[in-house]
Amino acid sequence: MMRITAFLFTLGLCLALCAEEPEEPNFREGFEKSCNAGIAEACALLGDMYFKGEGGPVNTAKARNAFEKACGGGAAHGCNMRAFMWLKGIASRVDKKKAYDHFLDYCDDGNGEACLNLGLVLTDGDGQPVDIKRASEAFDRACFNGSHEGCYRLGGMLVSGKGIAANKKKAREYLQKACDWGNGDACGMLAFLWYNGEGGDLNKDKARIYNEKACGKQRSIACFNLGVYYYQGEEGSANKERARQLFSRACELGNNDGCFLVGAMHFTGEGGPVDTEQAKKFVKKACTNKIEDACLFLKNNF
C-alpha cells in the first residue's frame, strides 16, 4: 500500500512539475482575425509584425497587404508604412514620387509620422533634392504632432548646426521633450549637453541622470559614459563595482571600449574578483574590433 501511495505521489508531482511549458500565445493569429474582421488598427499592428519579423518570420508581402487593409480602414500608420514601402521598393515597385506626395499630404494634415518621414526624405535626398531647411521644418512639425523621433532629429540639427543655425539652448528643449517621451538617443545627447555646459548650465549629476535613462534604453555609449563617471569618481561618486557592471553592459551592446575596460578590470580585480579568463575574453573582443590599446594589453599580459 505504501509503495502504491509513493508511486501516486511521485506521479502527481511529475504531472505538476514535468508538464510541458505552455505555448506562447500566437499574437499574429489574433491580429489576423481582428484584421479580417475589419479592425484597421489590428491590420496596422499585423503589418508591423510581418515587417519586423515579430511572432514569426519576416514576410514583406503579407506586411504590405496588411498595411493596405489598415490604410483602407483609416489607420494612418498603415498608409505611412505603405508609402515607406513604395519609397524603398519593398514588396512593391519603387515609386519615390508617390511616397513623397503621400508624406507631404499627410504631414499637412498634422500626422507626425508622415512629417518625420518627410524630414528624412529631405535630409537624405531620397527621391527629392536635399533640403535641410525644409527637413528641419518637417521635423519641427513631427515633434509638434507627437513624434519623439522628430523632436530628437531637430534637436540634433540644432546641436550640430549643419544646414541650420546652431542653437544649443533650443536644442535642449527639443531633446528634453524627446527624452521625456522615451527616446534614448535624445537622453544621451541631453546628457552630453549637461556634462559640457553647452546650451545652458553645466551639471554633471544631471548628465549622469540622463545617461542612466539612455543606458536603460540600451544606448551603449551612455552605459560607457556612466561607467567612466563611476570609475573616475566624479562628483564624489566613485564606485568601481558599478563601473565594472556598466562597462560590461556597454560591451554587450556593442561598445568596444567598454569591452576593453571591463576586461582590464577583470585582470586587475578592480570592482570585483580577478578573473583572467574573463579578462582575456573581453580584451580579445575589443582587439578584434580594432581597439589598439586592447591589442597592446593583450600582447603584454597574455
C-alpha atoms as a PDB file:
ATOM      1  CA  MET A   1       0.000   0.000   0.000  1.00  0.00           C
ATOM      2  CA  MET A   2       2.848   2.393   0.903  1.00  0.00           C
ATOM      3  CA  ARG A   3       4.539   1.667  -2.454  1.00  0.00           C
ATOM      4  CA  ILE A   4       1.327   2.484  -4.318  1.00  0.00           C
ATOM      5  CA  THR A   5       0.919   5.701  -2.312  1.00  0.00           C
ATOM      6  CA  ALA A   6       4.531   6.712  -3.025  1.00  0.00           C
ATOM      7  CA  PHE A   7       4.054   5.969  -6.730  1.00  0.00           C
ATOM      8  CA  LEU A   8       0.874   8.020  -6.903  1.00  0.00           C
ATOM      9  CA  PHE A   9       2.585  10.896  -5.078  1.00  0.00           C
ATOM     10  CA  THR A  10       5.529  10.774  -7.494  1.00  0.00           C
ATOM     11  CA  LEU A  11       3.175  10.601 -10.472  1.00  0.00           C
ATOM     12  CA  GLY A  12       1.206  13.596  -9.194  1.00  0.00           C
ATOM     13  CA  LEU A  13       4.390  15.577  -8.597  1.00  0.00           C
ATOM     14  CA  CYS A  14       5.590  14.835 -12.113  1.00  0.00           C
ATOM     15  CA  LEU A  15       2.270  15.830 -13.622  1.00  0.00           C
ATOM     16  CA  ALA A  16       2.571  19.150 -11.792  1.00  0.00           C
ATOM     17  CA  LEU A  17       6.247  19.837 -12.471  1.00  0.00           C
ATOM     18  CA  CYS A  18       7.060  17.864 -15.601  1.00  0.00           C
ATOM     19  CA  ALA A  19       4.255  19.242 -17.753  1.00  0.00           C
ATOM     20  CA  GLU A  20       5.308  20.937 -20.949  1.00  0.00           C
ATOM     21  CA  GLU A  21       5.713  24.688 -20.850  1.00  0.00           C
ATOM     22  CA  PRO A  22       2.546  26.382 -22.151  1.00  0.00           C
ATOM     23  CA  GLU A  23       2.938  27.614 -25.692  1.00  0.00           C
ATOM     24  CA  GLU A  24       3.317  31.320 -26.161  1.00  0.00           C
ATOM     25  CA  PRO A  25       0.137  32.906 -27.496  1.00  0.00           C
ATOM     26  CA  ASN A  26       0.091  33.358 -31.263  1.00  0.00           C
ATOM     27  CA  PHE A  27      -0.421  37.108 -31.446  1.00  0.00           C
ATOM     28  CA  ARG A  28      -0.202  37.095 -35.241  1.00  0.00           C
ATOM     29  CA  GLU A  29      -3.187  34.786 -35.428  1.00  0.00           C
ATOM     30  CA  GLY A  30      -5.164  37.046 -33.103  1.00  0.00           C
ATOM     31  CA  PHE A  31      -4.367  40.189 -35.068  1.00  0.00           C
ATOM     32  CA  GLU A  32      -5.103  38.341 -38.322  1.00  0.00           C
ATOM     33  CA  LYS A  33      -8.613  37.511 -37.094  1.00  0.00           C
ATOM     34  CA  SER A  34      -9.191  41.080 -35.905  1.00  0.00           C
ATOM     35  CA  CYS A  35      -7.847  42.477 -39.181  1.00  0.00           C
ATOM     36  CA  ASN A  36     -10.130  40.196 -41.202  1.00  0.00           C
ATOM     37  CA  ALA A  37     -12.982  41.422 -39.028  1.00  0.00           C
ATOM     38  CA  GLY A  38     -12.311  44.940 -40.274  1.00  0.00           C
ATOM     39  CA  ILE A  39     -10.365  46.454 -37.368  1.00  0.00           C
ATOM     40  CA  ALA A  40      -7.898  48.766 -39.130  1.00  0.00           C
ATOM     41  CA  GLU A  41      -5.574  49.231 -36.139  1.00  0.00           C
ATOM     42  CA  ALA A  42      -5.186  45.444 -35.884  1.00  0.00           C
ATOM     43  CA  CYS A  43      -4.198  45.346 -39.567  1.00  0.00           C
ATOM     44  CA  ALA A  44      -1.540  48.003 -38.911  1.00  0.00           C
ATOM     45  CA  LEU A  45      -0.118  46.029 -35.972  1.00  0.00           C
ATOM     46  CA  LEU A  46      -0.219  42.823 -38.007  1.00  0.00           C
ATOM     47  CA  GLY A  47       1.680  44.576 -40.782  1.00  0.00           C
ATOM     48  CA  ASP A  48       4.349  45.665 -38.298  1.00  0.00           C
ATOM     49  CA  MET A  49       4.719  42.093 -37.058  1.00  0.00           C
ATOM     50  CA  TYR A  50       5.209  40.717 -40.566  1.00  0.00           C
ATOM     51  CA  PHE A  51       7.528  43.605 -41.494  1.00  0.00           C
ATOM     52  CA  LYS A  52       9.760  43.280 -38.407  1.00  0.00           C
ATOM     53  CA  GLY A  53       9.615  39.519 -38.005  1.00  0.00           C
ATOM     54  CA  GLU A  54       7.784  39.652 -34.673  1.00  0.00           C
ATOM     55  CA  GLY A  55       5.997  36.447 -33.724  1.00  0.00           C
ATOM     56  CA  GLY A  56       7.381  34.640 -36.768  1.00  0.00           C
ATOM     57  CA  PRO A  57       9.475  35.125 -39.916  1.00  0.00           C
ATOM     58  CA  VAL A  58       9.572  38.356 -41.894  1.00  0.00           C
ATOM     59  CA  ASN A  59       7.055  38.395 -44.731  1.00  0.00           C
ATOM     60  CA  THR A  60       7.045  41.725 -46.541  1.00  0.00           C
ATOM     61  CA  ALA A  61       4.308  40.703 -48.988  1.00  0.00           C
ATOM     62  CA  LYS A  62       1.938  39.940 -46.128  1.00  0.00           C
ATOM     63  CA  ALA A  63       3.061  43.115 -44.395  1.00  0.00           C
ATOM     64  CA  ARG A  64       2.164  45.133 -47.497  1.00  0.00           C
ATOM     65  CA  ASN A  65      -1.276  43.512 -47.699  1.00  0.00           C
ATOM     66  CA  ALA A  66      -1.934  44.212 -44.020  1.00  0.00           C
ATOM     67  CA  PHE A  67      -0.854  47.842 -44.385  1.00  0.00           C
ATOM     68  CA  GLU A  68      -3.129  48.184 -47.428  1.00  0.00           C
ATOM     69  CA  LYS A  69      -6.079  46.961 -45.364  1.00  0.00           C
ATOM     70  CA  ALA A  70      -5.116  49.217 -42.462  1.00  0.00           C
ATOM     71  CA  CYS A  71      -4.917  52.251 -44.710  1.00  0.00           C
ATOM     72  CA  GLY A  72      -8.210  51.405 -46.375  1.00  0.00           C
ATOM     73  CA  GLY A  73      -9.787  51.274 -42.930  1.00  0.00           C
ATOM     74  CA  GLY A  74      -8.430  54.653 -41.900  1.00  0.00           C
ATOM     75  CA  ALA A  75      -5.333  53.713 -39.855  1.00  0.00           C
ATOM     76  CA  ALA A  76      -2.744  56.354 -40.767  1.00  0.00           C
ATOM     77  CA  HIS A  77       0.210  54.181 -39.732  1.00  0.00           C
ATOM     78  CA  GLY A  78      -0.801  51.662 -42.375  1.00  0.00           C
ATOM     79  CA  CYS A  79      -0.821  54.403 -45.009  1.00  0.00           C
ATOM     80  CA  ASN A  80       2.580  55.681 -43.899  1.00  0.00           C
ATOM     81  CA  MET A  81       4.125  52.221 -43.966  1.00  0.00           C
ATOM     82  CA  ARG A  82       2.639  51.530 -47.393  1.00  0.00           C
ATOM     83  CA  ALA A  83       4.268  54.762 -48.600  1.00  0.00           C
ATOM     84  CA  PHE A  84       7.565  53.776 -46.964  1.00  0.00           C
ATOM     85  CA  MET A  85       7.472  50.506 -48.897  1.00  0.00           C
ATOM     86  CA  TRP A  86       6.916  52.477 -52.120  1.00  0.00           C
ATOM     87  CA  LEU A  87       9.879  54.664 -51.197  1.00  0.00           C
ATOM     88  CA  LYS A  88      12.221  51.715 -50.680  1.00  0.00           C
ATOM     89  CA  GLY A  89      10.714  49.317 -53.202  1.00  0.00           C
ATOM     90  CA  ILE A  90       9.911  46.719 -50.539  1.00  0.00           C
ATOM     91  CA  ALA A  91       7.434  44.128 -51.859  1.00  0.00           C
ATOM     92  CA  SER A  92       6.285  46.756 -54.348  1.00  0.00           C
ATOM     93  CA  ARG A  93       7.539  48.819 -57.257  1.00  0.00           C
ATOM     94  CA  VAL A  94       9.765  51.751 -56.284  1.00  0.00           C
ATOM     95  CA  ASP A  95       7.769  54.966 -56.503  1.00  0.00           C
ATOM     96  CA  LYS A  96       9.583  57.698 -54.608  1.00  0.00           C
ATOM     97  CA  LYS A  97       7.412  60.494 -56.000  1.00  0.00           C
ATOM     98  CA  LYS A  98       4.234  58.788 -54.840  1.00  0.00           C
ATOM     99  CA  ALA A  99       5.738  58.202 -51.392  1.00  0.00           C
ATOM    100  CA  TYR A 100       6.886  61.824 -51.132  1.00  0.00           C
ATOM    101  CA  ASP A 101       3.466  63.131 -52.143  1.00  0.00           C
ATOM    102  CA  HIS A 102       1.855  60.923 -49.503  1.00  0.00           C
ATOM    103  CA  PHE A 103       4.184  62.128 -46.733  1.00  0.00           C
ATOM    104  CA  LEU A 104       3.658  65.740 -47.776  1.00  0.00           C
ATOM    105  CA  ASP A 105      -0.148  65.437 -47.796  1.00  0.00           C
ATOM    106  CA  TYR A 106      -0.368  63.578 -44.504  1.00  0.00           C
ATOM    107  CA  CYS A 107       2.098  65.939 -42.858  1.00  0.00           C
ATOM    108  CA  ASP A 108      -0.028  68.881 -43.967  1.00  0.00           C
ATOM    109  CA  ASP A 109      -2.928  67.105 -42.250  1.00  0.00           C
ATOM    110  CA  GLY A 110      -0.979  67.006 -38.978  1.00  0.00           C
ATOM    111  CA  ASN A 111       0.309  63.424 -38.961  1.00  0.00           C
ATOM    112  CA  GLY A 112       3.582  63.334 -37.011  1.00  0.00           C
ATOM    113  CA  GLU A 113       4.837  60.062 -38.501  1.00  0.00           C
ATOM    114  CA  ALA A 114       4.381  61.419 -42.040  1.00  0.00           C
ATOM    115  CA  CYS A 115       6.198  64.650 -41.099  1.00  0.00           C
ATOM    116  CA  LEU A 116       9.079  62.602 -39.722  1.00  0.00           C
ATOM    117  CA  ASN A 117       9.319  60.581 -42.941  1.00  0.00           C
ATOM    118  CA  LEU A 118       9.122  63.764 -44.991  1.00  0.00           C
ATOM    119  CA  GLY A 119      12.018  65.196 -42.999  1.00  0.00           C
ATOM    120  CA  LEU A 120      14.075  62.058 -43.553  1.00  0.00           C
ATOM    121  CA  VAL A 121      13.420  62.122 -47.307  1.00  0.00           C
ATOM    122  CA  LEU A 122      14.564  65.747 -47.480  1.00  0.00           C
ATOM    123  CA  THR A 123      17.601  65.092 -45.284  1.00  0.00           C
ATOM    124  CA  ASP A 124      18.768  62.056 -47.263  1.00  0.00           C
ATOM    125  CA  GLY A 125      17.804  63.304 -50.716  1.00  0.00           C
ATOM    126  CA  ASP A 126      15.801  60.108 -51.204  1.00  0.00           C
ATOM    127  CA  GLY A 127      13.916  60.882 -54.425  1.00  0.00           C
ATOM    128  CA  GLN A 128      13.963  64.630 -53.701  1.00  0.00           C
ATOM    129  CA  PRO A 129      16.748  67.235 -53.606  1.00  0.00           C
ATOM    130  CA  VAL A 130      18.391  67.564 -50.204  1.00  0.00           C
ATOM    131  CA  ASP A 131      16.774  70.492 -48.399  1.00  0.00           C
ATOM    132  CA  ILE A 132      17.922  70.766 -44.790  1.00  0.00           C
ATOM    133  CA  LYS A 133      15.850  73.844 -44.028  1.00  0.00           C
ATOM    134  CA  ARG A 134      12.608  72.153 -45.136  1.00  0.00           C
ATOM    135  CA  ALA A 135      13.694  68.966 -43.366  1.00  0.00           C
ATOM    136  CA  SER A 136      14.116  70.884 -40.093  1.00  0.00           C
ATOM    137  CA  GLU A 137      10.644  72.376 -40.546  1.00  0.00           C
ATOM    138  CA  ALA A 138       9.214  68.895 -41.146  1.00  0.00           C
ATOM    139  CA  PHE A 139      10.912  67.572 -38.009  1.00  0.00           C
ATOM    140  CA  ASP A 140       9.517  70.526 -36.069  1.00  0.00           C
ATOM    141  CA  ARG A 141       6.010  69.664 -37.243  1.00  0.00           C
ATOM    142  CA  ALA A 142       6.626  65.986 -36.470  1.00  0.00           C
ATOM    143  CA  CYS A 143       7.636  66.926 -32.938  1.00  0.00           C
ATOM    144  CA  PHE A 144       4.615  69.188 -32.528  1.00  0.00           C
ATOM    145  CA  ASN A 145       2.383  66.308 -33.631  1.00  0.00           C
ATOM    146  CA  GLY A 146       3.778  63.811 -31.150  1.00  0.00           C
ATOM    147  CA  SER A 147       6.806  62.199 -32.834  1.00  0.00           C
ATOM    148  CA  HIS A 148       9.649  61.849 -30.319  1.00  0.00           C
ATOM    149  CA  GLU A 149      11.975  60.965 -33.190  1.00  0.00           C
ATOM    150  CA  GLY A 150      11.098  64.268 -34.862  1.00  0.00           C
ATOM    151  CA  CYS A 151      11.997  66.134 -31.652  1.00  0.00           C
ATOM    152  CA  TYR A 152      15.292  64.233 -31.438  1.00  0.00           C
ATOM    153  CA  ARG A 153      16.183  64.829 -35.088  1.00  0.00           C
ATOM    154  CA  LEU A 154      15.607  68.569 -34.836  1.00  0.00           C
ATOM    155  CA  GLY A 155      17.432  68.730 -31.507  1.00  0.00           C
ATOM    156  CA  GLY A 156      20.435  67.046 -33.099  1.00  0.00           C
ATOM    157  CA  MET A 157      20.407  69.507 -36.005  1.00  0.00           C
ATOM    158  CA  LEU A 158      20.332  72.420 -33.584  1.00  0.00           C
ATOM    159  CA  VAL A 159      23.323  70.966 -31.732  1.00  0.00           C
ATOM    160  CA  SER A 160      25.420  70.335 -34.862  1.00  0.00           C
ATOM    161  CA  GLY A 161      24.431  73.440 -36.788  1.00  0.00           C
ATOM    162  CA  LYS A 162      24.626  71.523 -40.056  1.00  0.00           C
ATOM    163  CA  GLY A 163      22.355  73.188 -42.583  1.00  0.00           C
ATOM    164  CA  ILE A 164      20.648  75.381 -39.992  1.00  0.00           C
ATOM    165  CA  ALA A 165      21.916  77.819 -37.361  1.00  0.00           C
ATOM    166  CA  ALA A 166      23.141  76.063 -34.216  1.00  0.00           C
ATOM    167  CA  ASN A 167      21.103  76.831 -31.124  1.00  0.00           C
ATOM    168  CA  LYS A 168      22.036  74.520 -28.265  1.00  0.00           C
ATOM    169  CA  LYS A 169      19.695  76.215 -25.816  1.00  0.00           C
ATOM    170  CA  LYS A 170      16.768  75.487 -28.125  1.00  0.00           C
ATOM    171  CA  ALA A 171      18.188  72.020 -28.780  1.00  0.00           C
ATOM    172  CA  ARG A 172      17.871  71.231 -25.086  1.00  0.00           C
ATOM    173  CA  GLU A 173      14.131  71.941 -25.257  1.00  0.00           C
ATOM    174  CA  TYR A 174      13.555  69.542 -28.161  1.00  0.00           C
ATOM    175  CA  LEU A 175      15.816  66.864 -26.704  1.00  0.00           C
ATOM    176  CA  GLN A 176      14.124  67.146 -23.322  1.00  0.00           C
ATOM    177  CA  LYS A 177      10.745  66.547 -24.930  1.00  0.00           C
ATOM    178  CA  ALA A 178      12.061  63.562 -26.901  1.00  0.00           C
ATOM    179  CA  CYS A 179      13.753  62.102 -23.826  1.00  0.00           C
ATOM    180  CA  ASP A 180      10.582  62.525 -21.768  1.00  0.00           C
ATOM    181  CA  TRP A 181       8.748  60.577 -24.479  1.00  0.00           C
ATOM    182  CA  GLY A 182      11.233  57.719 -24.202  1.00  0.00           C
ATOM    183  CA  ASN A 183      13.832  58.441 -26.896  1.00  0.00           C
ATOM    184  CA  GLY A 184      17.120  57.042 -25.575  1.00  0.00           C
ATOM    185  CA  ASP A 185      19.297  58.840 -28.128  1.00  0.00           C
ATOM    186  CA  ALA A 186      17.813  62.164 -27.045  1.00  0.00           C
ATOM    187  CA  CYS A 187      18.514  61.379 -23.387  1.00  0.00           C
ATOM    188  CA  GLY A 188      22.129  60.606 -24.274  1.00  0.00           C
ATOM    189  CA  MET A 189      22.579  63.828 -26.240  1.00  0.00           C
ATOM    190  CA  LEU A 190      20.974  65.811 -23.431  1.00  0.00           C
ATOM    191  CA  ALA A 191      23.453  64.217 -21.013  1.00  0.00           C
ATOM    192  CA  PHE A 192      26.303  65.424 -23.225  1.00  0.00           C
ATOM    193  CA  LEU A 193      24.977  68.999 -23.158  1.00  0.00           C
ATOM    194  CA  TRP A 194      24.579  68.990 -19.363  1.00  0.00           C
ATOM    195  CA  TYR A 195      28.025  67.458 -18.888  1.00  0.00           C
ATOM    196  CA  ASN A 196      29.755  70.080 -21.014  1.00  0.00           C
ATOM    197  CA  GLY A 197      27.556  73.038 -20.102  1.00  0.00           C
ATOM    198  CA  GLU A 198      26.525  73.599 -23.715  1.00  0.00           C
ATOM    199  CA  GLY A 199      23.289  75.480 -24.281  1.00  0.00           C
ATOM    200  CA  GLY A 200      22.816  76.037 -20.544  1.00  0.00           C
ATOM    201  CA  ASP A 201      24.216  75.178 -17.144  1.00  0.00           C
ATOM    202  CA  LEU A 202      26.938  72.599 -16.546  1.00  0.00           C
ATOM    203  CA  ASN A 203      25.633  69.911 -14.204  1.00  0.00           C
ATOM    204  CA  LYS A 204      27.392  66.550 -14.134  1.00  0.00           C
ATOM    205  CA  ASP A 205      24.837  64.995 -11.823  1.00  0.00           C
ATOM    206  CA  LYS A 206      22.075  65.787 -14.337  1.00  0.00           C
ATOM    207  CA  ALA A 207      24.316  64.379 -17.051  1.00  0.00           C
ATOM    208  CA  ARG A 208      24.516  61.174 -15.000  1.00  0.00           C
ATOM    209  CA  ILE A 209      20.718  61.039 -14.650  1.00  0.00           C
ATOM    210  CA  TYR A 210      20.167  61.385 -18.399  1.00  0.00           C
ATOM    211  CA  ASN A 211      22.894  58.854 -19.187  1.00  0.00           C
ATOM    212  CA  GLU A 212      21.127  56.455 -16.791  1.00  0.00           C
ATOM    213  CA  LYS A 213      17.944  56.913 -18.821  1.00  0.00           C
ATOM    214  CA  ALA A 214      19.777  56.420 -22.114  1.00  0.00           C
ATOM    215  CA  CYS A 215      21.608  53.344 -20.836  1.00  0.00           C
ATOM    216  CA  GLY A 216      18.261  51.959 -19.704  1.00  0.00           C
ATOM    217  CA  LYS A 217      17.144  52.363 -23.319  1.00  0.00           C
ATOM    218  CA  GLN A 218      20.139  50.226 -24.384  1.00  0.00           C
ATOM    219  CA  ARG A 219      22.316  53.034 -25.741  1.00  0.00           C
ATOM    220  CA  SER A 220      25.833  51.619 -25.446  1.00  0.00           C
ATOM    221  CA  ILE A 221      27.677  54.945 -25.372  1.00  0.00           C
ATOM    222  CA  ALA A 222      25.544  56.117 -22.447  1.00  0.00           C
ATOM    223  CA  CYS A 223      26.373  52.948 -20.482  1.00  0.00           C
ATOM    224  CA  PHE A 224      30.050  53.501 -21.267  1.00  0.00           C
ATOM    225  CA  ASN A 225      29.928  57.160 -20.201  1.00  0.00           C
ATOM    226  CA  LEU A 226      28.260  56.165 -16.944  1.00  0.00           C
ATOM    227  CA  GLY A 227      30.991  53.620 -16.364  1.00  0.00           C
ATOM    228  CA  VAL A 228      33.616  56.332 -16.772  1.00  0.00           C
ATOM    229  CA  TYR A 229      31.646  58.578 -14.392  1.00  0.00           C
ATOM    230  CA  TYR A 230      31.602  55.951 -11.638  1.00  0.00           C
ATOM    231  CA  TYR A 231      35.152  54.770 -12.298  1.00  0.00           C
ATOM    232  CA  GLN A 232      36.647  58.243 -12.054  1.00  0.00           C
ATOM    233  CA  GLY A 233      34.521  59.192  -9.054  1.00  0.00           C
ATOM    234  CA  GLU A 234      33.180  62.425 -10.484  1.00  0.00           C
ATOM    235  CA  GLU A 235      31.134  64.454  -8.015  1.00  0.00           C
ATOM    236  CA  GLY A 236      32.369  62.084  -5.294  1.00  0.00           C
ATOM    237  CA  SER A 237      30.624  59.115  -6.886  1.00  0.00           C
ATOM    238  CA  ALA A 238      33.472  56.570  -7.152  1.00  0.00           C
ATOM    239  CA  ASN A 239      32.032  53.068  -7.414  1.00  0.00           C
ATOM    240  CA  LYS A 240      34.301  50.608  -9.190  1.00  0.00           C
ATOM    241  CA  GLU A 241      31.809  47.751  -8.864  1.00  0.00           C
ATOM    242  CA  ARG A 242      29.130  49.796 -10.618  1.00  0.00           C
ATOM    243  CA  ALA A 243      31.650  50.924 -13.243  1.00  0.00           C
ATOM    244  CA  ARG A 244      32.560  47.313 -13.979  1.00  0.00           C
ATOM    245  CA  GLN A 245      28.892  46.410 -14.442  1.00  0.00           C
ATOM    246  CA  LEU A 246      28.327  49.354 -16.772  1.00  0.00           C
ATOM    247  CA  PHE A 247      31.374  48.650 -18.916  1.00  0.00           C
ATOM    248  CA  SER A 248      30.141  45.066 -19.230  1.00  0.00           C
ATOM    249  CA  ARG A 249      26.697  46.293 -20.273  1.00  0.00           C
ATOM    250  CA  ALA A 250      28.246  48.695 -22.792  1.00  0.00           C
ATOM    251  CA  CYS A 251      30.261  45.809 -24.217  1.00  0.00           C
ATOM    252  CA  GLU A 252      27.130  43.651 -24.549  1.00  0.00           C
ATOM    253  CA  LEU A 253      25.511  46.482 -26.501  1.00  0.00           C
ATOM    254  CA  GLY A 254      28.455  46.757 -28.900  1.00  0.00           C
ATOM    255  CA  ASN A 255      30.752  49.371 -27.332  1.00  0.00           C
ATOM    256  CA  ASN A 256      34.263  48.021 -27.840  1.00  0.00           C
ATOM    257  CA  ASP A 257      35.929  50.486 -25.469  1.00  0.00           C
ATOM    258  CA  GLY A 258      33.616  49.078 -22.811  1.00  0.00           C
ATOM    259  CA  CYS A 259      34.846  45.569 -23.646  1.00  0.00           C
ATOM    260  CA  PHE A 260      38.456  46.659 -23.170  1.00  0.00           C
ATOM    261  CA  LEU A 261      37.865  48.418 -19.854  1.00  0.00           C
ATOM    262  CA  VAL A 262      35.766  45.652 -18.301  1.00  0.00           C
ATOM    263  CA  GLY A 263      38.443  43.204 -19.413  1.00  0.00           C
ATOM    264  CA  ALA A 264      41.160  45.297 -17.780  1.00  0.00           C
ATOM    265  CA  MET A 265      39.118  45.485 -14.561  1.00  0.00           C
ATOM    266  CA  HIS A 266      38.743  41.698 -14.522  1.00  0.00           C
ATOM    267  CA  PHE A 267      42.512  41.478 -14.930  1.00  0.00           C
ATOM    268  CA  THR A 268      43.362  43.870 -12.084  1.00  0.00           C
ATOM    269  CA  GLY A 269      40.493  42.929  -9.792  1.00  0.00           C
ATOM    270  CA  GLU A 270      39.017  46.421  -9.707  1.00  0.00           C
ATOM    271  CA  GLY A 271      35.329  46.393  -8.850  1.00  0.00           C
ATOM    272  CA  GLY A 272      35.254  42.627  -8.338  1.00  0.00           C
ATOM    273  CA  PRO A 273      37.375  39.470  -8.254  1.00  0.00           C
ATOM    274  CA  VAL A 274      40.316  38.831 -10.540  1.00  0.00           C
ATOM    275  CA  ASP A 275      39.266  36.622 -13.444  1.00  0.00           C
ATOM    276  CA  THR A 276      41.985  36.303 -16.065  1.00  0.00           C
ATOM    277  CA  GLU A 277      39.869  34.076 -18.293  1.00  0.00           C
ATOM    278  CA  GLN A 278      37.108  36.686 -18.494  1.00  0.00           C
ATOM    279  CA  ALA A 279      39.708  39.428 -18.841  1.00  0.00           C
ATOM    280  CA  LYS A 280      41.233  37.748 -21.880  1.00  0.00           C
ATOM    281  CA  LYS A 281      37.801  37.172 -23.444  1.00  0.00           C
ATOM    282  CA  PHE A 282      36.755  40.820 -23.161  1.00  0.00           C
ATOM    283  CA  VAL A 283      40.116  42.291 -24.172  1.00  0.00           C
ATOM    284  CA  LYS A 284      40.381  39.946 -27.156  1.00  0.00           C
ATOM    285  CA  LYS A 285      36.918  41.030 -28.293  1.00  0.00           C
ATOM    286  CA  ALA A 286      37.966  44.686 -28.116  1.00  0.00           C
ATOM    287  CA  CYS A 287      41.199  43.970 -30.003  1.00  0.00           C
ATOM    288  CA  THR A 288      39.314  42.066 -32.716  1.00  0.00           C
ATOM    289  CA  ASN A 289      37.203  45.201 -33.136  1.00  0.00           C
ATOM    290  CA  LYS A 290      40.216  47.468 -33.705  1.00  0.00           C
ATOM    291  CA  ILE A 291      40.794  48.916 -30.218  1.00  0.00           C
ATOM    292  CA  GLU A 292      44.589  49.346 -30.387  1.00  0.00           C
ATOM    293  CA  ASP A 293      45.114  49.717 -26.631  1.00  0.00           C
ATOM    294  CA  ALA A 294      43.334  46.396 -26.164  1.00  0.00           C
ATOM    295  CA  CYS A 295      45.652  44.678 -28.635  1.00  0.00           C
ATOM    296  CA  LEU A 296      48.683  46.091 -26.814  1.00  0.00           C
ATOM    297  CA  PHE A 297      47.252  44.991 -23.447  1.00  0.00           C
ATOM    298  CA  LEU A 298      46.630  41.513 -24.849  1.00  0.00           C
ATOM    299  CA  LYS A 299      50.171  41.296 -26.174  1.00  0.00           C
ATOM    300  CA  ASN A 300      51.785  42.425 -22.906  1.00  0.00           C
ATOM    301  CA  ASN A 301      49.679  40.413 -20.468  1.00  0.00           C
ATOM    302  CA  PHE A 302      48.615  37.148 -22.113  1.00  0.00           C
END
